[in-house]
PDB file of N, CA and C in Angstrom:
ATOM      1  N   MET A   1       1.103  -0.788   0.005  1.00  0.00           N
ATOM      2  CA  MET A   1       0.066   0.433   0.060  1.00  0.00           C
ATOM      3  C   MET A   1       0.956   1.241  -0.327  1.00  0.00           C
ATOM      4  N   HIS A   2       0.174   2.195  -0.444  1.00  0.00           N
ATOM      5  CA  HIS A   2       1.270   3.395  -0.676  1.00  0.00           C
ATOM      6  C   HIS A   2      -0.135   4.833  -0.737  1.00  0.00           C
ATOM      7  N   ILE A   3       0.259   5.836  -0.684  1.00  0.00           N
ATOM      8  CA  ILE A   3      -0.448   7.112  -0.524  1.00  0.00           C
ATOM      9  C   ILE A   3      -0.377   8.047  -1.624  1.00  0.00           C
ATOM     10  N   HIS A   4      -0.968   8.989  -2.015  1.00  0.00           N
ATOM     11  CA  HIS A   4      -0.952   9.783  -2.895  1.00  0.00           C
ATOM     12  C   HIS A   4      -1.610  10.991  -1.767  1.00  0.00           C
ATOM     13  N   VAL A   5      -0.851  12.028  -1.521  1.00  0.00           N
ATOM     14  CA  VAL A   5      -1.779  13.189  -0.946  1.00  0.00           C
ATOM     15  C   VAL A   5      -1.706  14.181  -2.063  1.00  0.00           C
ATOM     16  N   ARG A   6      -1.057  14.271  -3.062  1.00  0.00           N
ATOM     17  CA  ARG A   6      -1.404  15.666  -3.648  1.00  0.00           C
ATOM     18  C   ARG A   6      -1.784  14.949  -5.362  1.00  0.00           C
ATOM     19  N   PRO A   7      -2.574  16.006  -5.987  1.00  0.00           N
ATOM     20  CA  PRO A   7      -3.092  15.839  -7.499  1.00  0.00           C
ATOM     21  C   PRO A   7      -2.090  14.813  -8.344  1.00  0.00           C
ATOM     22  N   TYR A   8      -2.703  13.994  -8.866  1.00  0.00           N
ATOM     23  CA  TYR A   8      -1.706  13.316  -9.956  1.00  0.00           C
ATOM     24  C   TYR A   8      -2.610  12.771 -11.162  1.00  0.00           C
ATOM     25  N   LEU A   9      -1.299  12.686 -12.430  1.00  0.00           N
ATOM     26  CA  LEU A   9      -1.911  12.297 -13.363  1.00  0.00           C
ATOM     27  C   LEU A   9      -1.279  11.334 -13.801  1.00  0.00           C
ATOM     28  N   ILE A  10      -2.199  10.135 -13.957  1.00  0.00           N
ATOM     29  CA  ILE A  10      -1.374   8.343 -14.628  1.00  0.00           C
ATOM     30  C   ILE A  10      -2.215   8.268 -15.920  1.00  0.00           C
ATOM     31  N   VAL A  11      -1.077   8.319 -16.663  1.00  0.00           N
ATOM     32  CA  VAL A  11      -1.185   7.884 -18.405  1.00  0.00           C
ATOM     33  C   VAL A  11      -0.119   6.603 -18.784  1.00  0.00           C
ATOM     34  N   SER A  12      -0.992   5.528 -19.240  1.00  0.00           N
ATOM     35  CA  SER A  12      -0.696   4.302 -19.363  1.00  0.00           C
ATOM     36  C   SER A  12      -0.037   4.589 -20.691  1.00  0.00           C
ATOM     37  N   ALA A  13       1.065   3.738 -20.706  1.00  0.00           N
ATOM     38  CA  ALA A  13       2.169   3.769 -21.729  1.00  0.00           C
ATOM     39  C   ALA A  13       1.895   2.369 -22.567  1.00  0.00           C
ATOM     40  N   THR A  14       1.557   1.467 -21.599  1.00  0.00           N
ATOM     41  CA  THR A  14       1.365  -0.001 -22.589  1.00  0.00           C
ATOM     42  C   THR A  14      -0.349  -0.246 -21.981  1.00  0.00           C
ATOM     43  N   ALA A  15      -0.417  -1.329 -23.106  1.00  0.00           N
ATOM     44  CA  ALA A  15      -2.114  -2.015 -22.826  1.00  0.00           C
ATOM     45  C   ALA A  15      -1.427  -2.801 -21.709  1.00  0.00           C
ATOM     46  N   PHE A  16      -2.128  -2.784 -20.821  1.00  0.00           N
ATOM     47  CA  PHE A  16      -2.156  -3.983 -19.407  1.00  0.00           C
ATOM     48  C   PHE A  16      -3.632  -3.935 -18.458  1.00  0.00           C
ATOM     49  N   LYS A  17      -3.513  -4.866 -17.573  1.00  0.00           N
ATOM     50  CA  LYS A  17      -4.609  -4.863 -16.626  1.00  0.00           C
ATOM     51  C   LYS A  17      -4.291  -4.347 -15.684  1.00  0.00           C
ATOM     52  N   PRO A  18      -3.928  -3.509 -14.712  1.00  0.00           N
ATOM     53  CA  PRO A  18      -3.647  -3.289 -13.161  1.00  0.00           C
ATOM     54  C   PRO A  18      -4.773  -3.949 -12.020  1.00  0.00           C
ATOM     55  N   LYS A  19      -4.592  -4.178 -11.424  1.00  0.00           N
ATOM     56  CA  LYS A  19      -5.071  -4.429 -10.480  1.00  0.00           C
ATOM     57  C   LYS A  19      -4.673  -3.282  -9.107  1.00  0.00           C
ATOM     58  N   MET A  20      -5.766  -2.432  -8.809  1.00  0.00           N
ATOM     59  CA  MET A  20      -5.690  -1.544  -7.822  1.00  0.00           C
ATOM     60  C   MET A  20      -6.401  -1.594  -6.738  1.00  0.00           C
ATOM     61  N   THR A  21      -5.949  -2.247  -5.419  1.00  0.00           N
ATOM     62  CA  THR A  21      -6.686  -2.156  -4.254  1.00  0.00           C
ATOM     63  C   THR A  21      -6.530  -1.420  -3.148  1.00  0.00           C
ATOM     64  N   ALA A  22      -7.949  -0.955  -2.554  1.00  0.00           N
ATOM     65  CA  ALA A  22      -7.894   0.147  -1.793  1.00  0.00           C
ATOM     66  C   ALA A  22      -7.788  -0.770  -0.198  1.00  0.00           C
ATOM     67  N   PRO A  23      -7.517  -0.108   0.840  1.00  0.00           N
ATOM     68  CA  PRO A  23      -7.398  -0.753   2.010  1.00  0.00           C
ATOM     69  C   PRO A  23      -8.030  -1.694   2.714  1.00  0.00           C
ATOM     70  N   ASP A  24      -9.837  -1.169   2.118  1.00  0.00           N
ATOM     71  CA  ASP A  24     -10.836  -2.406   2.629  1.00  0.00           C
ATOM     72  C   ASP A  24     -10.940  -3.556   1.846  1.00  0.00           C
ATOM     73  N   GLY A  25      -9.490  -3.662   0.926  1.00  0.00           N
ATOM     74  CA  GLY A  25      -9.397  -4.955   0.020  1.00  0.00           C
ATOM     75  C   GLY A  25     -10.402  -5.049  -1.294  1.00  0.00           C
ATOM     76  N   GLN A  26     -11.170  -3.482  -1.452  1.00  0.00           N
ATOM     77  CA  GLN A  26     -12.042  -3.461  -2.443  1.00  0.00           C
ATOM     78  C   GLN A  26     -11.115  -3.450  -3.945  1.00  0.00           C
ATOM     79  N   SER A  27     -11.086  -3.756  -5.150  1.00  0.00           N
ATOM     80  CA  SER A  27     -10.108  -3.510  -6.162  1.00  0.00           C
ATOM     81  C   SER A  27     -11.150  -3.522  -7.169  1.00  0.00           C
ATOM     82  N   LEU A  28     -10.216  -2.359  -8.359  1.00  0.00           N
ATOM     83  CA  LEU A  28     -10.767  -2.506  -9.824  1.00  0.00           C
ATOM     84  C   LEU A  28      -9.699  -2.955 -10.498  1.00  0.00           C
ATOM     85  N   THR A  29     -10.025  -3.821 -11.850  1.00  0.00           N
ATOM     86  CA  THR A  29      -9.295  -4.306 -13.000  1.00  0.00           C
ATOM     87  C   THR A  29      -9.565  -3.606 -14.322  1.00  0.00           C
ATOM     88  N   PRO A  30      -9.239  -2.548 -14.688  1.00  0.00           N
ATOM     89  CA  PRO A  30      -9.360  -1.821 -15.957  1.00  0.00           C
ATOM     90  C   PRO A  30      -8.611  -2.296 -16.659  1.00  0.00           C
ATOM     91  N   ASP A  31      -8.718  -2.513 -17.944  1.00  0.00           N
ATOM     92  CA  ASP A  31      -8.305  -2.610 -19.169  1.00  0.00           C
ATOM     93  C   ASP A  31      -7.764  -1.403 -19.915  1.00  0.00           C
ATOM     94  N   LEU A  32      -6.102  -1.342 -20.007  1.00  0.00           N
ATOM     95  CA  LEU A  32      -5.883  -0.435 -20.187  1.00  0.00           C
ATOM     96  C   LEU A  32      -5.324  -0.143 -21.393  1.00  0.00           C
ATOM     97  N   LYS A  33      -5.477   0.887 -21.987  1.00  0.00           N
ATOM     98  CA  LYS A  33      -4.849   1.245 -23.526  1.00  0.00           C
ATOM     99  C   LYS A  33      -3.407   2.272 -23.723  1.00  0.00           C
ATOM    100  N   PRO A  34      -2.763   2.327 -24.099  1.00  0.00           N
ATOM    101  CA  PRO A  34      -1.633   3.292 -24.129  1.00  0.00           C
ATOM    102  C   PRO A  34      -2.836   4.432 -24.549  1.00  0.00           C
ATOM    103  N   GLY A  35      -2.420   5.441 -23.750  1.00  0.00           N
ATOM    104  CA  GLY A  35      -2.542   6.540 -24.130  1.00  0.00           C
ATOM    105  C   GLY A  35      -3.566   7.124 -22.708  1.00  0.00           C
ATOM    106  N   ASP A  36      -4.568   6.218 -22.205  1.00  0.00           N
ATOM    107  CA  ASP A  36      -5.200   6.143 -21.455  1.00  0.00           C
ATOM    108  C   ASP A  36      -4.988   7.023 -20.332  1.00  0.00           C
ATOM    109  N   PHE A  37      -5.899   7.484 -19.843  1.00  0.00           N
ATOM    110  CA  PHE A  37      -5.082   8.609 -18.779  1.00  0.00           C
ATOM    111  C   PHE A  37      -6.542   8.831 -17.793  1.00  0.00           C
ATOM    112  N   HIS A  38      -6.028   9.224 -16.077  1.00  0.00           N
ATOM    113  CA  HIS A  38      -7.006   9.257 -15.276  1.00  0.00           C
ATOM    114  C   HIS A  38      -6.560  10.411 -14.522  1.00  0.00           C
ATOM    115  N   TRP A  39      -7.152  11.387 -14.086  1.00  0.00           N
ATOM    116  CA  TRP A  39      -6.713  12.411 -13.073  1.00  0.00           C
ATOM    117  C   TRP A  39      -7.284  12.402 -12.087  1.00  0.00           C
ATOM    118  N   VAL A  40      -6.419  12.257 -10.527  1.00  0.00           N
ATOM    119  CA  VAL A  40      -6.917  12.553  -9.421  1.00  0.00           C
ATOM    120  C   VAL A  40      -6.506  13.281  -8.674  1.00  0.00           C
ATOM    121  N   ASP A  41      -7.696  13.620  -7.624  1.00  0.00           N
ATOM    122  CA  ASP A  41      -7.182  14.897  -7.307  1.00  0.00           C
ATOM    123  C   ASP A  41      -7.984  14.963  -5.390  1.00  0.00           C
ATOM    124  N   THR A  42      -7.867  13.622  -5.199  1.00  0.00           N
ATOM    125  CA  THR A  42      -8.149  13.706  -3.991  1.00  0.00           C
ATOM    126  C   THR A  42      -6.841  12.453  -3.295  1.00  0.00           C
ATOM    127  N   LYS A  43      -6.966  12.511  -1.987  1.00  0.00           N
ATOM    128  CA  LYS A  43      -6.029  11.959  -0.963  1.00  0.00           C
ATOM    129  C   LYS A  43      -6.653  10.160  -1.527  1.00  0.00           C
ATOM    130  N   VAL A  44      -5.727   9.364  -2.306  1.00  0.00           N
ATOM    131  CA  VAL A  44      -5.560   7.801  -2.557  1.00  0.00           C
ATOM    132  C   VAL A  44      -5.143   7.486  -1.413  1.00  0.00           C
ATOM    133  N   THR A  45      -5.239   6.345  -1.111  1.00  0.00           N
ATOM    134  CA  THR A  45      -4.262   4.968  -0.414  1.00  0.00           C
ATOM    135  C   THR A  45      -4.422   3.591  -1.092  1.00  0.00           C
ATOM    136  N   HIS A  46      -3.926   3.090  -1.832  1.00  0.00           N
ATOM    137  CA  HIS A  46      -3.851   2.153  -2.644  1.00  0.00           C
ATOM    138  C   HIS A  46      -2.800   0.792  -2.999  1.00  0.00           C
ATOM    139  N   ALA A  47      -2.498  -0.436  -3.240  1.00  0.00           N
ATOM    140  CA  ALA A  47      -1.953  -0.937  -3.813  1.00  0.00           C
ATOM    141  C   ALA A  47      -2.134  -1.387  -5.044  1.00  0.00           C
ATOM    142  N   LEU A  48      -1.169  -1.335  -5.840  1.00  0.00           N
ATOM    143  CA  LEU A  48      -1.029  -1.526  -7.535  1.00  0.00           C
ATOM    144  C   LEU A  48      -0.574  -2.650  -7.735  1.00  0.00           C
ATOM    145  N   GLY A  49      -0.939  -3.472  -8.570  1.00  0.00           N
ATOM    146  CA  GLY A  49      -0.413  -4.570  -9.262  1.00  0.00           C
ATOM    147  C   GLY A  49      -0.765  -5.118 -10.720  1.00  0.00           C
ATOM    148  N   ASN A  50      -0.186  -5.802 -11.040  1.00  0.00           N
ATOM    149  CA  ASN A  50      -0.357  -6.626 -12.487  1.00  0.00           C
ATOM    150  C   ASN A  50      -1.116  -7.595 -12.735  1.00  0.00           C
ATOM    151  N   VAL A  51      -2.172  -7.979 -13.332  1.00  0.00           N
ATOM    152  CA  VAL A  51      -2.771  -9.129 -13.843  1.00  0.00           C
ATOM    153  C   VAL A  51      -2.638  -9.592 -14.895  1.00  0.00           C
ATOM    154  N   ASP A  52      -2.123  -8.885 -15.726  1.00  0.00           N
ATOM    155  CA  ASP A  52      -2.044  -9.343 -16.822  1.00  0.00           C
ATOM    156  C   ASP A  52      -0.321 -10.037 -16.884  1.00  0.00           C
ATOM    157  N   SER A  53      -0.503 -10.999 -18.107  1.00  0.00           N
ATOM    158  CA  SER A  53       1.006 -11.316 -18.827  1.00  0.00           C
ATOM    159  C   SER A  53       1.788 -10.589 -19.335  1.00  0.00           C
ATOM    160  N   ALA A  54       1.283  -9.451 -19.639  1.00  0.00           N
ATOM    161  CA  ALA A  54       1.952  -8.605 -20.406  1.00  0.00           C
ATOM    162  C   ALA A  54       2.841  -7.811 -19.175  1.00  0.00           C
ATOM    163  N   GLU A  55       3.958  -7.251 -19.908  1.00  0.00           N
ATOM    164  CA  GLU A  55       4.609  -6.231 -18.989  1.00  0.00           C
ATOM    165  C   GLU A  55       4.098  -5.183 -18.944  1.00  0.00           C
ATOM    166  N   GLY A  56       3.512  -4.243 -17.827  1.00  0.00           N
ATOM    167  CA  GLY A  56       2.443  -2.941 -18.163  1.00  0.00           C
ATOM    168  C   GLY A  56       3.648  -1.686 -17.535  1.00  0.00           C
ATOM    169  N   GLN A  57       3.130  -0.664 -18.358  1.00  0.00           N
ATOM    170  CA  GLN A  57       4.045   0.624 -17.985  1.00  0.00           C
ATOM    171  C   GLN A  57       3.044   2.015 -17.737  1.00  0.00           C
ATOM    172  N   ILE A  58       3.518   2.667 -17.014  1.00  0.00           N
ATOM    173  CA  ILE A  58       2.768   3.437 -16.778  1.00  0.00           C
ATOM    174  C   ILE A  58       3.283   5.023 -16.236  1.00  0.00           C
ATOM    175  N   LEU A  59       2.590   6.277 -16.753  1.00  0.00           N
ATOM    176  CA  LEU A  59       3.536   7.114 -16.120  1.00  0.00           C
ATOM    177  C   LEU A  59       2.811   8.192 -15.290  1.00  0.00           C
ATOM    178  N   GLU A  60       3.307   8.282 -14.192  1.00  0.00           N
ATOM    179  CA  GLU A  60       2.496   9.034 -12.585  1.00  0.00           C
ATOM    180  C   GLU A  60       3.516  10.167 -12.614  1.00  0.00           C
ATOM    181  N   MET A  61       2.716  11.275 -12.785  1.00  0.00           N
ATOM    182  CA  MET A  61       2.971  12.929 -12.673  1.00  0.00           C
ATOM    183  C   MET A  61       2.312  13.154 -11.739  1.00  0.00           C
ATOM    184  N   GLU A  62       3.151  13.712 -10.448  1.00  0.00           N
ATOM    185  CA  GLU A  62       2.204  14.417  -8.744  1.00  0.00           C
ATOM    186  C   GLU A  62       2.906  15.505  -8.939  1.00  0.00           C
ATOM    187  N   LEU A  63       1.803  16.441  -8.558  1.00  0.00           N
ATOM    188  CA  LEU A  63       2.318  17.951  -8.572  1.00  0.00           C
ATOM    189  C   LEU A  63       2.677  18.129  -7.056  1.00  0.00           C
ATOM    190  N   LYS A  64       3.449  18.993  -7.058  1.00  0.00           N
ATOM    191  CA  LYS A  64       4.291  19.355  -5.517  1.00  0.00           C
ATOM    192  C   LYS A  64       3.783  20.787  -5.447  1.00  0.00           C
TER     193      LYS A  64
END
């Protein structure tokens, strides 16, 4: 688990299927395509893994 306390932008560089898990155990497994992005402007605590057989790459830019 890790925490993001500042707004950040996440961009998928490759197609893959990440698993994002919250502290309460709830999880999401979206299918990402290259160029997919998500802006987050709230505090987030989560773990991130890859449930796909292919390597996944993301670019994460956190504002300071």
